[in-house]
Amino acid sequence: MSEHRRLTLHIATSSDGFIATTDDGLEWLPQPSGPEDYGMGAFMETVDCVVIGRKTWDVIRHFEEEQFPNFERHILSHSTHDGTAFITELKQKQGKGIWLLGGGILNEECIKANIIDEIVITKFPVELGEGIPVFGALGVELPPQWEKVSQQLFADGGIQSIWTPTIEK
Protein backbone atom coordinates (compact mmCIF):
# COMPACT_ATOMS: atom_id res chain seq x y z
CA MET A 1 0.00 0.00 0.00
CA SER A 2 1.27 3.47 -0.83
CA GLU A 3 1.99 6.04 1.83
CA HIS A 4 -0.88 8.37 2.66
CA ARG A 5 -0.98 12.03 1.72
CA ARG A 6 0.14 14.37 4.47
CA LEU A 7 -2.40 16.66 6.12
CA THR A 8 -0.86 19.96 7.21
CA LEU A 9 -2.67 22.60 9.19
CA HIS A 10 -0.93 25.76 7.95
CA ILE A 11 -2.48 28.82 9.52
CA ALA A 12 -1.87 32.35 10.80
CA THR A 13 -2.88 33.49 14.27
CA SER A 14 -2.68 36.55 16.44
CA SER A 15 -0.02 36.46 19.17
CA ASP A 16 -2.72 35.29 21.57
CA GLY A 17 -3.87 32.41 19.34
CA PHE A 18 -6.93 33.67 17.48
CA ILE A 19 -7.52 33.10 13.76
CA ALA A 20 -10.16 35.82 13.41
CA THR A 21 -11.99 38.42 15.44
CA THR A 22 -15.31 37.49 17.07
CA ASP A 23 -17.10 38.79 13.94
CA ASP A 24 -14.85 36.69 11.63
CA GLY A 25 -12.66 39.70 10.75
CA LEU A 26 -9.23 39.20 9.24
CA GLU A 27 -8.23 42.86 8.86
CA TRP A 28 -5.57 42.43 11.55
CA LEU A 29 -3.54 40.03 9.39
CA PRO A 30 -0.46 41.76 7.96
CA GLN A 31 0.12 41.60 4.23
CA PRO A 32 3.49 40.25 3.10
CA SER A 33 5.91 43.05 2.24
CA GLY A 34 8.67 42.78 -0.29
CA PRO A 35 9.88 39.27 -1.01
CA GLU A 36 8.65 37.86 2.33
CA ASP A 37 5.87 35.30 1.90
CA TYR A 38 6.24 33.54 5.27
CA GLY A 39 7.19 30.31 3.50
CA MET A 40 3.88 30.08 1.65
CA GLY A 41 5.44 29.76 -1.81
CA ALA A 42 7.47 26.71 -0.83
CA PHE A 43 4.54 25.23 1.09
CA MET A 44 2.16 25.67 -1.86
CA GLU A 45 4.50 23.54 -3.99
CA THR A 46 3.92 20.59 -1.63
CA VAL A 47 0.11 20.58 -1.72
CA ASP A 48 -2.54 20.22 -4.41
CA CYS A 49 -5.64 20.08 -2.24
CA VAL A 50 -7.16 22.44 0.32
CA VAL A 51 -9.80 21.60 2.93
CA ILE A 52 -11.72 24.51 4.43
CA GLY A 53 -14.47 24.71 7.00
CA ARG A 54 -17.66 26.32 5.69
CA LYS A 55 -17.57 29.28 8.07
CA THR A 56 -13.99 30.05 7.03
CA TRP A 57 -14.96 29.71 3.39
CA ASP A 58 -17.84 32.17 3.91
CA VAL A 59 -15.24 34.77 4.91
CA ILE A 60 -12.43 34.16 2.42
CA ARG A 61 -14.57 33.61 -0.67
CA HIS A 62 -15.25 37.34 -0.72
CA PHE A 63 -11.60 38.25 -1.21
CA GLU A 64 -10.77 40.03 -4.48
CA GLU A 65 -8.80 37.17 -6.01
CA GLU A 66 -10.29 33.76 -6.70
CA GLN A 67 -9.23 31.48 -3.89
CA PHE A 68 -7.18 28.38 -4.71
CA PRO A 69 -7.97 28.20 -8.45
CA ASN A 70 -5.38 25.47 -9.13
CA PHE A 71 -6.21 23.28 -6.15
CA GLU A 72 -8.65 20.50 -5.51
CA ARG A 73 -10.88 22.36 -3.04
CA HIS A 74 -13.26 20.94 -0.44
CA ILE A 75 -15.53 23.07 1.74
CA LEU A 76 -16.81 21.02 4.69
CA SER A 77 -19.94 21.68 6.69
CA HIS A 78 -21.35 19.70 9.61
CA SER A 79 -24.67 19.59 7.79
CA THR A 80 -23.18 17.78 4.79
CA HIS A 81 -19.97 16.04 5.91
CA ASP A 82 -18.32 14.05 8.63
CA GLY A 83 -15.18 16.14 8.22
CA THR A 84 -12.65 13.78 9.74
CA ALA A 85 -13.98 10.74 7.86
CA PHE A 86 -13.93 12.71 4.61
CA ILE A 87 -10.35 13.88 5.20
CA THR A 88 -9.21 10.39 6.20
CA GLU A 89 -10.52 9.07 2.86
CA LEU A 90 -8.96 12.01 1.01
CA LYS A 91 -5.57 11.17 2.54
CA GLN A 92 -5.74 7.70 0.93
CA LYS A 93 -6.08 9.12 -2.60
CA GLN A 94 -3.15 9.85 -4.88
CA GLY A 95 -1.75 13.35 -4.89
CA LYS A 96 0.42 15.84 -3.12
CA GLY A 97 -0.22 16.99 0.42
CA ILE A 98 -3.48 18.37 1.77
CA TRP A 99 -3.71 21.84 3.27
CA LEU A 100 -6.08 22.08 6.22
CA LEU A 101 -6.95 25.77 6.28
CA GLY A 102 -9.39 25.67 9.18
CA GLY A 103 -11.39 27.10 10.90
CA GLY A 104 -11.22 26.44 14.55
CA ILE A 105 -13.94 23.80 14.76
CA LEU A 106 -12.51 21.73 11.89
CA ASN A 107 -8.99 22.12 13.32
CA GLU A 108 -10.22 20.85 16.70
CA GLU A 109 -11.98 17.84 15.16
CA CYS A 110 -8.88 16.88 13.16
CA ILE A 111 -6.62 17.14 16.23
CA LYS A 112 -9.00 14.99 18.27
CA ALA A 113 -9.15 12.42 15.44
CA ASN A 114 -5.33 12.35 15.22
CA ILE A 115 -5.28 12.84 11.44
CA ILE A 116 -3.01 15.91 11.19
CA ASP A 117 0.58 15.13 10.24
CA GLU A 118 2.04 18.60 10.80
CA ILE A 119 0.95 21.97 12.13
CA VAL A 120 2.53 25.20 10.91
CA ILE A 121 1.44 28.27 12.87
CA THR A 122 2.60 31.76 12.03
CA LYS A 123 1.85 34.04 14.97
CA PHE A 124 1.84 37.74 14.21
CA PRO A 125 2.56 40.42 16.83
CA VAL A 126 -1.05 41.52 17.09
CA GLU A 127 -3.04 40.82 20.24
CA LEU A 128 -6.79 40.50 19.69
CA GLY A 129 -7.79 39.73 23.29
CA GLU A 130 -10.70 37.64 22.03
CA GLY A 131 -11.79 36.00 18.83
CA ILE A 132 -12.07 32.60 17.19
CA PRO A 133 -9.54 30.23 18.80
CA VAL A 134 -7.26 28.38 16.40
CA PHE A 135 -8.27 25.02 17.90
CA GLY A 136 -11.98 25.60 18.51
CA ALA A 137 -13.15 24.40 21.92
CA LEU A 138 -9.60 23.19 22.65
CA GLY A 139 -8.63 26.87 22.75
CA VAL A 140 -5.40 28.45 21.61
CA GLU A 141 -2.82 25.97 22.93
CA LEU A 142 -1.86 22.69 21.31
CA PRO A 143 -2.51 19.55 23.33
CA PRO A 144 0.61 18.08 24.99
CA GLN A 145 1.02 15.32 22.39
CA TRP A 146 2.47 17.89 19.95
CA GLU A 147 6.17 18.74 19.83
CA LYS A 148 7.69 21.90 18.35
CA VAL A 149 10.35 20.85 15.82
CA SER A 150 11.38 24.26 14.48
CA GLN A 151 10.79 27.96 14.78
CA GLN A 152 11.59 30.92 12.53
CA LEU A 153 11.42 34.63 13.32
CA PHE A 154 10.46 37.05 10.53
CA ALA A 155 11.57 40.68 10.20
CA ASP A 156 8.07 41.99 11.00
CA GLY A 157 7.99 40.09 14.31
CA GLY A 158 6.01 37.12 13.04
CA ILE A 159 7.07 33.77 14.47
CA GLN A 160 6.46 30.55 12.57
CA SER A 161 6.52 27.30 14.52
CA ILE A 162 6.27 23.80 13.10
CA TRP A 163 4.80 21.04 15.25
CA THR A 164 4.51 17.28 14.81
CA PRO A 165 2.56 14.75 16.87
CA THR A 166 4.56 12.75 19.40
CA ILE A 167 2.18 9.79 19.18
CA GLU A 168 2.23 7.20 16.42
CA LYS A 169 -0.47 7.42 13.75
C-alpha atoms as a PDB file:
ATOM      1  CA  MET A   1       0.000   0.000   0.000  1.00  0.00           C
ATOM      2  CA  SER A   2       1.270   3.467  -0.834  1.00  0.00           C
ATOM      3  CA  GLU A   3       1.991   6.043   1.827  1.00  0.00           C
ATOM      4  CA  HIS A   4      -0.884   8.369   2.660  1.00  0.00           C
ATOM      5  CA  ARG A   5      -0.980  12.026   1.717  1.00  0.00           C
ATOM      6  CA  ARG A   6       0.144  14.370   4.474  1.00  0.00           C
ATOM      7  CA  LEU A   7      -2.395  16.660   6.116  1.00  0.00           C
ATOM      8  CA  THR A   8      -0.859  19.962   7.210  1.00  0.00           C
ATOM      9  CA  LEU A   9      -2.671  22.600   9.191  1.00  0.00           C
ATOM     10  CA  HIS A  10      -0.933  25.761   7.947  1.00  0.00           C
ATOM     11  CA  ILE A  11      -2.483  28.817   9.522  1.00  0.00           C
ATOM     12  CA  ALA A  12      -1.870  32.352  10.804  1.00  0.00           C
ATOM     13  CA  THR A  13      -2.880  33.492  14.269  1.00  0.00           C
ATOM     14  CA  SER A  14      -2.677  36.552  16.439  1.00  0.00           C
ATOM     15  CA  SER A  15      -0.023  36.463  19.166  1.00  0.00           C
ATOM     16  CA  ASP A  16      -2.723  35.285  21.572  1.00  0.00           C
ATOM     17  CA  GLY A  17      -3.872  32.415  19.337  1.00  0.00           C
ATOM     18  CA  PHE A  18      -6.935  33.667  17.476  1.00  0.00           C
ATOM     19  CA  ILE A  19      -7.521  33.098  13.756  1.00  0.00           C
ATOM     20  CA  ALA A  20     -10.155  35.820  13.412  1.00  0.00           C
ATOM     21  CA  THR A  21     -11.995  38.420  15.439  1.00  0.00           C
ATOM     22  CA  THR A  22     -15.309  37.494  17.066  1.00  0.00           C
ATOM     23  CA  ASP A  23     -17.099  38.788  13.938  1.00  0.00           C
ATOM     24  CA  ASP A  24     -14.851  36.692  11.628  1.00  0.00           C
ATOM     25  CA  GLY A  25     -12.661  39.701  10.753  1.00  0.00           C
ATOM     26  CA  LEU A  26      -9.230  39.201   9.242  1.00  0.00           C
ATOM     27  CA  GLU A  27      -8.227  42.861   8.861  1.00  0.00           C
ATOM     28  CA  TRP A  28      -5.571  42.425  11.550  1.00  0.00           C
ATOM     29  CA  LEU A  29      -3.540  40.027   9.388  1.00  0.00           C
ATOM     30  CA  PRO A  30      -0.458  41.761   7.955  1.00  0.00           C
ATOM     31  CA  GLN A  31       0.124  41.602   4.230  1.00  0.00           C
ATOM     32  CA  PRO A  32       3.488  40.250   3.101  1.00  0.00           C
ATOM     33  CA  SER A  33       5.906  43.045   2.242  1.00  0.00           C
ATOM     34  CA  GLY A  34       8.670  42.784  -0.286  1.00  0.00           C
ATOM     35  CA  PRO A  35       9.880  39.274  -1.013  1.00  0.00           C
ATOM     36  CA  GLU A  36       8.652  37.856   2.334  1.00  0.00           C
ATOM     37  CA  ASP A  37       5.875  35.301   1.896  1.00  0.00           C
ATOM     38  CA  TYR A  38       6.242  33.539   5.269  1.00  0.00           C
ATOM     39  CA  GLY A  39       7.190  30.309   3.503  1.00  0.00           C
ATOM     40  CA  MET A  40       3.883  30.080   1.647  1.00  0.00           C
ATOM     41  CA  GLY A  41       5.437  29.756  -1.813  1.00  0.00           C
ATOM     42  CA  ALA A  42       7.473  26.711  -0.830  1.00  0.00           C
ATOM     43  CA  PHE A  43       4.538  25.226   1.089  1.00  0.00           C
ATOM     44  CA  MET A  44       2.158  25.668  -1.857  1.00  0.00           C
ATOM     45  CA  GLU A  45       4.496  23.544  -3.991  1.00  0.00           C
ATOM     46  CA  THR A  46       3.925  20.589  -1.632  1.00  0.00           C
ATOM     47  CA  VAL A  47       0.110  20.579  -1.721  1.00  0.00           C
ATOM     48  CA  ASP A  48      -2.538  20.219  -4.407  1.00  0.00           C
ATOM     49  CA  CYS A  49      -5.640  20.080  -2.244  1.00  0.00           C
ATOM     50  CA  VAL A  50      -7.155  22.435   0.322  1.00  0.00           C
ATOM     51  CA  VAL A  51      -9.804  21.597   2.933  1.00  0.00           C
ATOM     52  CA  ILE A  52     -11.718  24.505   4.427  1.00  0.00           C
ATOM     53  CA  GLY A  53     -14.470  24.709   7.000  1.00  0.00           C
ATOM     54  CA  ARG A  54     -17.663  26.316   5.687  1.00  0.00           C
ATOM     55  CA  LYS A  55     -17.572  29.280   8.073  1.00  0.00           C
ATOM     56  CA  THR A  56     -13.988  30.049   7.032  1.00  0.00           C
ATOM     57  CA  TRP A  57     -14.960  29.713   3.386  1.00  0.00           C
ATOM     58  CA  ASP A  58     -17.835  32.167   3.906  1.00  0.00           C
ATOM     59  CA  VAL A  59     -15.242  34.767   4.913  1.00  0.00           C
ATOM     60  CA  ILE A  60     -12.427  34.156   2.415  1.00  0.00           C
ATOM     61  CA  ARG A  61     -14.568  33.608  -0.668  1.00  0.00           C
ATOM     62  CA  HIS A  62     -15.251  37.342  -0.718  1.00  0.00           C
ATOM     63  CA  PHE A  63     -11.596  38.254  -1.213  1.00  0.00           C
ATOM     64  CA  GLU A  64     -10.775  40.027  -4.478  1.00  0.00           C
ATOM     65  CA  GLU A  65      -8.796  37.167  -6.012  1.00  0.00           C
ATOM     66  CA  GLU A  66     -10.294  33.761  -6.704  1.00  0.00           C
ATOM     67  CA  GLN A  67      -9.226  31.481  -3.888  1.00  0.00           C
ATOM     68  CA  PHE A  68      -7.185  28.384  -4.714  1.00  0.00           C
ATOM     69  CA  PRO A  69      -7.969  28.196  -8.455  1.00  0.00           C
ATOM     70  CA  ASN A  70      -5.382  25.467  -9.134  1.00  0.00           C
ATOM     71  CA  PHE A  71      -6.212  23.281  -6.145  1.00  0.00           C
ATOM     72  CA  GLU A  72      -8.653  20.501  -5.506  1.00  0.00           C
ATOM     73  CA  ARG A  73     -10.880  22.359  -3.037  1.00  0.00           C
ATOM     74  CA  HIS A  74     -13.258  20.941  -0.435  1.00  0.00           C
ATOM     75  CA  ILE A  75     -15.526  23.068   1.740  1.00  0.00           C
ATOM     76  CA  LEU A  76     -16.805  21.022   4.687  1.00  0.00           C
ATOM     77  CA  SER A  77     -19.941  21.682   6.694  1.00  0.00           C
ATOM     78  CA  HIS A  78     -21.352  19.703   9.609  1.00  0.00           C
ATOM     79  CA  SER A  79     -24.674  19.595   7.794  1.00  0.00           C
ATOM     80  CA  THR A  80     -23.181  17.779   4.788  1.00  0.00           C
ATOM     81  CA  HIS A  81     -19.971  16.043   5.909  1.00  0.00           C
ATOM     82  CA  ASP A  82     -18.321  14.046   8.633  1.00  0.00           C
ATOM     83  CA  GLY A  83     -15.177  16.139   8.219  1.00  0.00           C
ATOM     84  CA  THR A  84     -12.650  13.779   9.743  1.00  0.00           C
ATOM     85  CA  ALA A  85     -13.976  10.740   7.865  1.00  0.00           C
ATOM     86  CA  PHE A  86     -13.926  12.713   4.610  1.00  0.00           C
ATOM     87  CA  ILE A  87     -10.346  13.884   5.200  1.00  0.00           C
ATOM     88  CA  THR A  88      -9.206  10.389   6.198  1.00  0.00           C
ATOM     89  CA  GLU A  89     -10.516   9.072   2.855  1.00  0.00           C
ATOM     90  CA  LEU A  90      -8.958  12.009   1.013  1.00  0.00           C
ATOM     91  CA  LYS A  91      -5.567  11.170   2.535  1.00  0.00           C
ATOM     92  CA  GLN A  92      -5.739   7.699   0.927  1.00  0.00           C
ATOM     93  CA  LYS A  93      -6.084   9.120  -2.604  1.00  0.00           C
ATOM     94  CA  GLN A  94      -3.150   9.850  -4.879  1.00  0.00           C
ATOM     95  CA  GLY A  95      -1.753  13.353  -4.893  1.00  0.00           C
ATOM     96  CA  LYS A  96       0.420  15.837  -3.120  1.00  0.00           C
ATOM     97  CA  GLY A  97      -0.217  16.985   0.421  1.00  0.00           C
ATOM     98  CA  ILE A  98      -3.480  18.372   1.765  1.00  0.00           C
ATOM     99  CA  TRP A  99      -3.707  21.837   3.274  1.00  0.00           C
ATOM    100  CA  LEU A 100      -6.075  22.081   6.220  1.00  0.00           C
ATOM    101  CA  LEU A 101      -6.945  25.767   6.282  1.00  0.00           C
ATOM    102  CA  GLY A 102      -9.394  25.671   9.176  1.00  0.00           C
ATOM    103  CA  GLY A 103     -11.385  27.098  10.903  1.00  0.00           C
ATOM    104  CA  GLY A 104     -11.216  26.442  14.548  1.00  0.00           C
ATOM    105  CA  ILE A 105     -13.939  23.800  14.756  1.00  0.00           C
ATOM    106  CA  LEU A 106     -12.508  21.726  11.894  1.00  0.00           C
ATOM    107  CA  ASN A 107      -8.987  22.122  13.323  1.00  0.00           C
ATOM    108  CA  GLU A 108     -10.223  20.846  16.703  1.00  0.00           C
ATOM    109  CA  GLU A 109     -11.979  17.841  15.156  1.00  0.00           C
ATOM    110  CA  CYS A 110      -8.881  16.879  13.163  1.00  0.00           C
ATOM    111  CA  ILE A 111      -6.623  17.141  16.226  1.00  0.00           C
ATOM    112  CA  LYS A 112      -8.998  14.988  18.265  1.00  0.00           C
ATOM    113  CA  ALA A 113      -9.148  12.420  15.440  1.00  0.00           C
ATOM    114  CA  ASN A 114      -5.331  12.350  15.223  1.00  0.00           C
ATOM    115  CA  ILE A 115      -5.281  12.837  11.443  1.00  0.00           C
ATOM    116  CA  ILE A 116      -3.012  15.913  11.195  1.00  0.00           C
ATOM    117  CA  ASP A 117       0.583  15.132  10.244  1.00  0.00           C
ATOM    118  CA  GLU A 118       2.040  18.597  10.799  1.00  0.00           C
ATOM    119  CA  ILE A 119       0.949  21.974  12.131  1.00  0.00           C
ATOM    120  CA  VAL A 120       2.528  25.202  10.914  1.00  0.00           C
ATOM    121  CA  ILE A 121       1.440  28.266  12.874  1.00  0.00           C
ATOM    122  CA  THR A 122       2.597  31.760  12.026  1.00  0.00           C
ATOM    123  CA  LYS A 123       1.851  34.044  14.971  1.00  0.00           C
ATOM    124  CA  PHE A 124       1.836  37.741  14.212  1.00  0.00           C
ATOM    125  CA  PRO A 125       2.565  40.425  16.826  1.00  0.00           C
ATOM    126  CA  VAL A 126      -1.054  41.522  17.094  1.00  0.00           C
ATOM    127  CA  GLU A 127      -3.040  40.818  20.244  1.00  0.00           C
ATOM    128  CA  LEU A 128      -6.791  40.499  19.693  1.00  0.00           C
ATOM    129  CA  GLY A 129      -7.793  39.731  23.285  1.00  0.00           C
ATOM    130  CA  GLU A 130     -10.699  37.643  22.029  1.00  0.00           C
ATOM    131  CA  GLY A 131     -11.791  35.996  18.828  1.00  0.00           C
ATOM    132  CA  ILE A 132     -12.068  32.602  17.189  1.00  0.00           C
ATOM    133  CA  PRO A 133      -9.538  30.229  18.800  1.00  0.00           C
ATOM    134  CA  VAL A 134      -7.265  28.376  16.402  1.00  0.00           C
ATOM    135  CA  PHE A 135      -8.273  25.020  17.898  1.00  0.00           C
ATOM    136  CA  GLY A 136     -11.982  25.596  18.505  1.00  0.00           C
ATOM    137  CA  ALA A 137     -13.151  24.403  21.923  1.00  0.00           C
ATOM    138  CA  LEU A 138      -9.605  23.189  22.653  1.00  0.00           C
ATOM    139  CA  GLY A 139      -8.633  26.867  22.745  1.00  0.00           C
ATOM    140  CA  VAL A 140      -5.399  28.446  21.612  1.00  0.00           C
ATOM    141  CA  GLU A 141      -2.815  25.966  22.933  1.00  0.00           C
ATOM    142  CA  LEU A 142      -1.862  22.688  21.305  1.00  0.00           C
ATOM    143  CA  PRO A 143      -2.513  19.550  23.325  1.00  0.00           C
ATOM    144  CA  PRO A 144       0.615  18.078  24.986  1.00  0.00           C
ATOM    145  CA  GLN A 145       1.023  15.320  22.394  1.00  0.00           C
ATOM    146  CA  TRP A 146       2.475  17.886  19.952  1.00  0.00           C
ATOM    147  CA  GLU A 147       6.168  18.739  19.826  1.00  0.00           C
ATOM    148  CA  LYS A 148       7.694  21.899  18.345  1.00  0.00           C
ATOM    149  CA  VAL A 149      10.347  20.852  15.821  1.00  0.00           C
ATOM    150  CA  SER A 150      11.383  24.259  14.476  1.00  0.00           C
ATOM    151  CA  GLN A 151      10.789  27.956  14.778  1.00  0.00           C
ATOM    152  CA  GLN A 152      11.587  30.917  12.530  1.00  0.00           C
ATOM    153  CA  LEU A 153      11.423  34.634  13.315  1.00  0.00           C
ATOM    154  CA  PHE A 154      10.462  37.048  10.532  1.00  0.00           C
ATOM    155  CA  ALA A 155      11.566  40.679  10.196  1.00  0.00           C
ATOM    156  CA  ASP A 156       8.070  41.987  11.000  1.00  0.00           C
ATOM    157  CA  GLY A 157       7.986  40.093  14.305  1.00  0.00           C
ATOM    158  CA  GLY A 158       6.015  37.117  13.040  1.00  0.00           C
ATOM    159  CA  ILE A 159       7.072  33.773  14.469  1.00  0.00           C
ATOM    160  CA  GLN A 160       6.459  30.554  12.568  1.00  0.00           C
ATOM    161  CA  SER A 161       6.515  27.297  14.522  1.00  0.00           C
ATOM    162  CA  ILE A 162       6.270  23.803  13.103  1.00  0.00           C
ATOM    163  CA  TRP A 163       4.798  21.044  15.251  1.00  0.00           C
ATOM    164  CA  THR A 164       4.508  17.279  14.808  1.00  0.00           C
ATOM    165  CA  PRO A 165       2.559  14.747  16.866  1.00  0.00           C
ATOM    166  CA  THR A 166       4.565  12.754  19.402  1.00  0.00           C
ATOM    167  CA  ILE A 167       2.185   9.787  19.178  1.00  0.00           C
ATOM    168  CA  GLU A 168       2.225   7.201  16.416  1.00  0.00           C
ATOM    169  CA  LYS A 169      -0.467   7.424  13.754  1.00  0.00           C
END
